Amino acid sequence: MEEIKFPPDFNERAERALTQAKRYGAACFWCGYGYEEYSRKSEAEHIAYHCSDAPEKLKEDMRRVLSERQADASNACAGKKVTSKRRCRR
């Protein structure tokens, strides 16, 4: 099992994230970005492409998750007419 290591400025990051979460409803622990509309996808996109403070391994993991989701969605709709971003018609 991998050991969890908190950054040296953990208290500052946590305070910033809590402040933003109170204002927006959710926030990034790493940089304090406040999510106006939180979802797992928006969190993954933020960490993968926009969060300057997230660890590189986490960014890589989020990019992989996003590409796998995109591949799954493409495979699910292969040969079907796509009627929206999330659904395809049989």
N, C-alpha and C. Protein backbone atom coordinates (compact mmCIF):
# COMPACT_ATOMS: atom_id res chain seq x y z
N MET A 1 0.85 -1.18 0.00
CA MET A 1 0.00 0.00 0.00
C MET A 1 0.90 1.24 0.00
N GLU A 2 0.53 2.19 -0.83
CA GLU A 2 1.31 3.41 -0.93
C GLU A 2 0.97 4.36 0.22
N GLU A 3 1.99 4.98 0.77
CA GLU A 3 1.82 5.91 1.88
C GLU A 3 1.28 7.24 1.36
N ILE A 4 0.33 7.80 2.05
CA ILE A 4 -0.20 9.12 1.70
C ILE A 4 0.72 10.17 2.29
N LYS A 5 1.18 11.06 1.45
CA LYS A 5 2.07 12.14 1.90
C LYS A 5 1.38 13.47 1.67
N PHE A 6 1.20 14.21 2.73
CA PHE A 6 0.59 15.52 2.63
C PHE A 6 1.67 16.55 2.32
N PRO A 7 1.32 17.56 1.52
CA PRO A 7 2.31 18.60 1.23
C PRO A 7 2.62 19.42 2.48
N PRO A 8 3.79 20.05 2.51
CA PRO A 8 4.18 20.84 3.69
C PRO A 8 3.19 21.96 4.02
N ASP A 9 2.54 22.51 2.98
CA ASP A 9 1.59 23.60 3.21
C ASP A 9 0.15 23.08 3.28
N PHE A 10 -0.02 21.88 3.80
CA PHE A 10 -1.33 21.24 3.89
C PHE A 10 -2.38 22.15 4.55
N ASN A 11 -2.05 22.75 5.67
CA ASN A 11 -3.02 23.58 6.39
C ASN A 11 -3.49 24.76 5.55
N GLU A 12 -2.57 25.40 4.85
CA GLU A 12 -2.95 26.53 3.99
C GLU A 12 -3.85 26.08 2.85
N ARG A 13 -3.50 24.96 2.23
CA ARG A 13 -4.30 24.44 1.11
C ARG A 13 -5.70 24.05 1.59
N ALA A 14 -5.76 23.39 2.73
CA ALA A 14 -7.05 22.97 3.26
C ALA A 14 -7.93 24.18 3.58
N GLU A 15 -7.35 25.18 4.17
CA GLU A 15 -8.12 26.40 4.50
C GLU A 15 -8.63 27.09 3.24
N ARG A 16 -7.78 27.19 2.24
CA ARG A 16 -8.17 27.81 0.96
C ARG A 16 -9.29 27.01 0.30
N ALA A 17 -9.17 25.68 0.28
CA ALA A 17 -10.19 24.84 -0.33
C ALA A 17 -11.51 24.95 0.43
N LEU A 18 -11.45 24.97 1.76
CA LEU A 18 -12.68 25.10 2.55
C LEU A 18 -13.38 26.44 2.30
N THR A 19 -12.59 27.50 2.20
CA THR A 19 -13.17 28.81 1.92
C THR A 19 -13.89 28.81 0.57
N GLN A 20 -13.25 28.24 -0.44
CA GLN A 20 -13.86 28.17 -1.77
C GLN A 20 -15.06 27.23 -1.77
N ALA A 21 -14.97 26.13 -1.05
CA ALA A 21 -16.08 25.18 -1.01
C ALA A 21 -17.32 25.81 -0.38
N LYS A 22 -17.11 26.64 0.64
CA LYS A 22 -18.25 27.33 1.26
C LYS A 22 -18.89 28.29 0.27
N ARG A 23 -18.07 28.90 -0.55
CA ARG A 23 -18.58 29.88 -1.52
C ARG A 23 -19.23 29.21 -2.73
N TYR A 24 -18.59 28.14 -3.25
CA TYR A 24 -19.05 27.53 -4.49
C TYR A 24 -19.74 26.18 -4.32
N GLY A 25 -19.49 25.50 -3.23
CA GLY A 25 -20.07 24.18 -3.03
C GLY A 25 -19.04 23.07 -3.10
N ALA A 26 -17.96 23.28 -3.86
CA ALA A 26 -16.88 22.30 -3.97
C ALA A 26 -15.62 23.04 -4.40
N ALA A 27 -14.47 22.47 -4.06
CA ALA A 27 -13.20 23.14 -4.41
C ALA A 27 -12.09 22.12 -4.56
N CYS A 28 -11.08 22.51 -5.33
CA CYS A 28 -9.89 21.69 -5.52
C CYS A 28 -8.97 21.85 -4.31
N PHE A 29 -8.59 20.74 -3.71
CA PHE A 29 -7.68 20.80 -2.57
C PHE A 29 -6.33 21.35 -2.98
N TRP A 30 -5.86 21.02 -4.17
CA TRP A 30 -4.51 21.38 -4.58
C TRP A 30 -4.33 22.86 -4.82
N CYS A 31 -5.28 23.51 -5.51
CA CYS A 31 -5.07 24.92 -5.87
C CYS A 31 -6.15 25.85 -5.33
N GLY A 32 -7.25 25.29 -4.79
CA GLY A 32 -8.31 26.12 -4.26
C GLY A 32 -9.36 26.55 -5.26
N TYR A 33 -9.27 26.06 -6.49
CA TYR A 33 -10.26 26.40 -7.52
C TYR A 33 -11.65 26.01 -7.04
N GLY A 34 -12.61 26.93 -7.14
CA GLY A 34 -13.99 26.67 -6.73
C GLY A 34 -14.83 26.20 -7.90
N TYR A 35 -15.50 25.08 -7.76
CA TYR A 35 -16.35 24.53 -8.81
C TYR A 35 -17.74 25.11 -8.70
N GLU A 36 -18.18 25.80 -9.74
CA GLU A 36 -19.55 26.29 -9.73
C GLU A 36 -20.52 25.15 -9.98
N GLU A 37 -20.13 24.20 -10.83
CA GLU A 37 -20.91 22.99 -11.07
C GLU A 37 -19.96 21.81 -10.98
N TYR A 38 -19.94 21.14 -9.85
CA TYR A 38 -19.01 20.05 -9.64
C TYR A 38 -19.53 18.75 -10.25
N SER A 39 -18.64 18.01 -10.84
CA SER A 39 -18.88 16.63 -11.27
C SER A 39 -17.53 15.93 -11.27
N ARG A 40 -17.55 14.63 -11.29
CA ARG A 40 -16.29 13.89 -11.35
C ARG A 40 -15.52 14.24 -12.61
N LYS A 41 -16.25 14.42 -13.70
CA LYS A 41 -15.61 14.76 -14.98
C LYS A 41 -14.96 16.13 -14.90
N SER A 42 -15.67 17.12 -14.34
CA SER A 42 -15.09 18.46 -14.25
C SER A 42 -13.87 18.47 -13.33
N GLU A 43 -13.91 17.66 -12.27
CA GLU A 43 -12.76 17.56 -11.38
C GLU A 43 -11.57 16.93 -12.12
N ALA A 44 -11.83 15.86 -12.85
CA ALA A 44 -10.75 15.21 -13.60
C ALA A 44 -10.16 16.15 -14.66
N GLU A 45 -11.01 16.87 -15.37
CA GLU A 45 -10.53 17.82 -16.38
C GLU A 45 -9.71 18.94 -15.74
N HIS A 46 -10.19 19.45 -14.62
CA HIS A 46 -9.46 20.51 -13.93
C HIS A 46 -8.08 20.03 -13.51
N ILE A 47 -8.02 18.89 -12.85
CA ILE A 47 -6.74 18.38 -12.36
C ILE A 47 -5.82 18.04 -13.53
N ALA A 48 -6.35 17.39 -14.55
CA ALA A 48 -5.53 16.95 -15.68
C ALA A 48 -4.94 18.11 -16.47
N TYR A 49 -5.71 19.17 -16.67
CA TYR A 49 -5.30 20.22 -17.62
C TYR A 49 -5.14 21.63 -17.05
N HIS A 50 -5.67 21.88 -15.86
CA HIS A 50 -5.68 23.26 -15.38
C HIS A 50 -5.07 23.50 -14.01
N CYS A 51 -4.92 22.46 -13.20
CA CYS A 51 -4.44 22.63 -11.83
C CYS A 51 -2.92 22.67 -11.80
N SER A 52 -2.39 23.83 -11.51
CA SER A 52 -0.93 23.99 -11.50
C SER A 52 -0.28 23.34 -10.29
N ASP A 53 -1.04 23.07 -9.24
CA ASP A 53 -0.46 22.57 -7.99
C ASP A 53 -0.60 21.06 -7.79
N ALA A 54 -1.39 20.39 -8.61
CA ALA A 54 -1.56 18.94 -8.44
C ALA A 54 -0.28 18.20 -8.81
N PRO A 55 0.00 17.10 -8.12
CA PRO A 55 1.19 16.31 -8.45
C PRO A 55 1.10 15.75 -9.88
N GLU A 56 2.21 15.63 -10.54
CA GLU A 56 2.24 15.18 -11.93
C GLU A 56 1.62 13.79 -12.10
N LYS A 57 1.86 12.91 -11.15
CA LYS A 57 1.27 11.56 -11.24
C LYS A 57 -0.25 11.63 -11.22
N LEU A 58 -0.81 12.49 -10.40
CA LEU A 58 -2.26 12.65 -10.34
C LEU A 58 -2.78 13.21 -11.67
N LYS A 59 -2.08 14.18 -12.23
CA LYS A 59 -2.48 14.74 -13.53
C LYS A 59 -2.50 13.66 -14.60
N GLU A 60 -1.45 12.83 -14.61
CA GLU A 60 -1.38 11.73 -15.59
C GLU A 60 -2.53 10.75 -15.39
N ASP A 61 -2.83 10.43 -14.14
CA ASP A 61 -3.94 9.52 -13.85
C ASP A 61 -5.27 10.08 -14.33
N MET A 62 -5.49 11.36 -14.11
CA MET A 62 -6.73 11.99 -14.54
C MET A 62 -6.83 12.04 -16.07
N ARG A 63 -5.73 12.28 -16.76
CA ARG A 63 -5.73 12.25 -18.23
C ARG A 63 -6.08 10.85 -18.73
N ARG A 64 -5.54 9.83 -18.07
CA ARG A 64 -5.83 8.45 -18.46
C ARG A 64 -7.31 8.14 -18.24
N VAL A 65 -7.85 8.54 -17.09
CA VAL A 65 -9.27 8.32 -16.79
C VAL A 65 -10.14 8.99 -17.85
N LEU A 66 -9.82 10.22 -18.20
CA LEU A 66 -10.61 10.94 -19.20
C LEU A 66 -10.54 10.26 -20.56
N SER A 67 -9.35 9.82 -20.96
CA SER A 67 -9.23 9.18 -22.27
C SER A 67 -9.95 7.83 -22.28
N GLU A 68 -9.93 7.10 -21.17
CA GLU A 68 -10.67 5.83 -21.09
C GLU A 68 -12.17 6.07 -21.16
N ARG A 69 -12.64 7.10 -20.50
CA ARG A 69 -14.07 7.42 -20.56
C ARG A 69 -14.49 7.79 -21.98
N GLN A 70 -13.64 8.56 -22.65
CA GLN A 70 -13.94 8.98 -24.01
C GLN A 70 -13.96 7.76 -24.93
N ALA A 71 -13.01 6.85 -24.75
CA ALA A 71 -12.96 5.63 -25.56
C ALA A 71 -14.19 4.77 -25.31
N ASP A 72 -14.59 4.64 -24.05
CA ASP A 72 -15.77 3.86 -23.71
C ASP A 72 -17.02 4.45 -24.36
N ALA A 73 -17.14 5.76 -24.33
CA ALA A 73 -18.29 6.42 -24.93
C ALA A 73 -18.28 6.24 -26.44
N SER A 74 -17.12 6.33 -27.05
CA SER A 74 -17.01 6.14 -28.50
C SER A 74 -17.38 4.71 -28.89
N ASN A 75 -16.90 3.74 -28.12
CA ASN A 75 -17.21 2.34 -28.41
C ASN A 75 -18.68 2.04 -28.21
N ALA A 76 -19.29 2.65 -27.22
CA ALA A 76 -20.71 2.41 -26.94
C ALA A 76 -21.59 2.92 -28.07
N CYS A 77 -21.15 3.96 -28.74
CA CYS A 77 -21.95 4.56 -29.80
C CYS A 77 -21.46 4.19 -31.20
N ALA A 78 -20.53 3.27 -31.30
CA ALA A 78 -19.99 2.88 -32.60
C ALA A 78 -21.12 2.35 -33.48
N GLY A 79 -21.26 2.94 -34.66
CA GLY A 79 -22.28 2.51 -35.60
C GLY A 79 -23.67 2.99 -35.29
N LYS A 80 -23.80 3.85 -34.30
CA LYS A 80 -25.12 4.37 -33.93
C LYS A 80 -25.14 5.87 -34.14
N LYS A 81 -26.30 6.41 -34.35
CA LYS A 81 -26.43 7.85 -34.54
C LYS A 81 -26.35 8.54 -33.18
N VAL A 82 -25.42 9.46 -33.03
CA VAL A 82 -25.25 10.18 -31.77
C VAL A 82 -26.24 11.34 -31.74
N THR A 83 -27.06 11.37 -30.69
CA THR A 83 -28.08 12.41 -30.58
C THR A 83 -27.73 13.46 -29.54
N SER A 84 -26.74 13.19 -28.72
CA SER A 84 -26.27 14.16 -27.75
C SER A 84 -24.86 13.75 -27.36
N LYS A 85 -24.24 14.54 -26.49
CA LYS A 85 -22.88 14.22 -26.06
C LYS A 85 -22.82 12.91 -25.27
N ARG A 86 -23.88 12.56 -24.60
CA ARG A 86 -23.84 11.43 -23.70
C ARG A 86 -24.62 10.21 -24.18
N ARG A 87 -25.46 10.37 -25.19
CA ARG A 87 -26.31 9.27 -25.58
C ARG A 87 -26.24 9.03 -27.07
N CYS A 88 -26.45 7.81 -27.44
CA CYS A 88 -26.56 7.49 -28.85
C CYS A 88 -27.87 6.75 -29.06
N ARG A 89 -28.39 6.87 -30.28
CA ARG A 89 -29.66 6.23 -30.60
C ARG A 89 -29.38 4.89 -31.26
N ARG A 90 -30.12 3.89 -30.89
CA ARG A 90 -29.90 2.53 -31.43
C ARG A 90 -30.44 2.38 -32.80
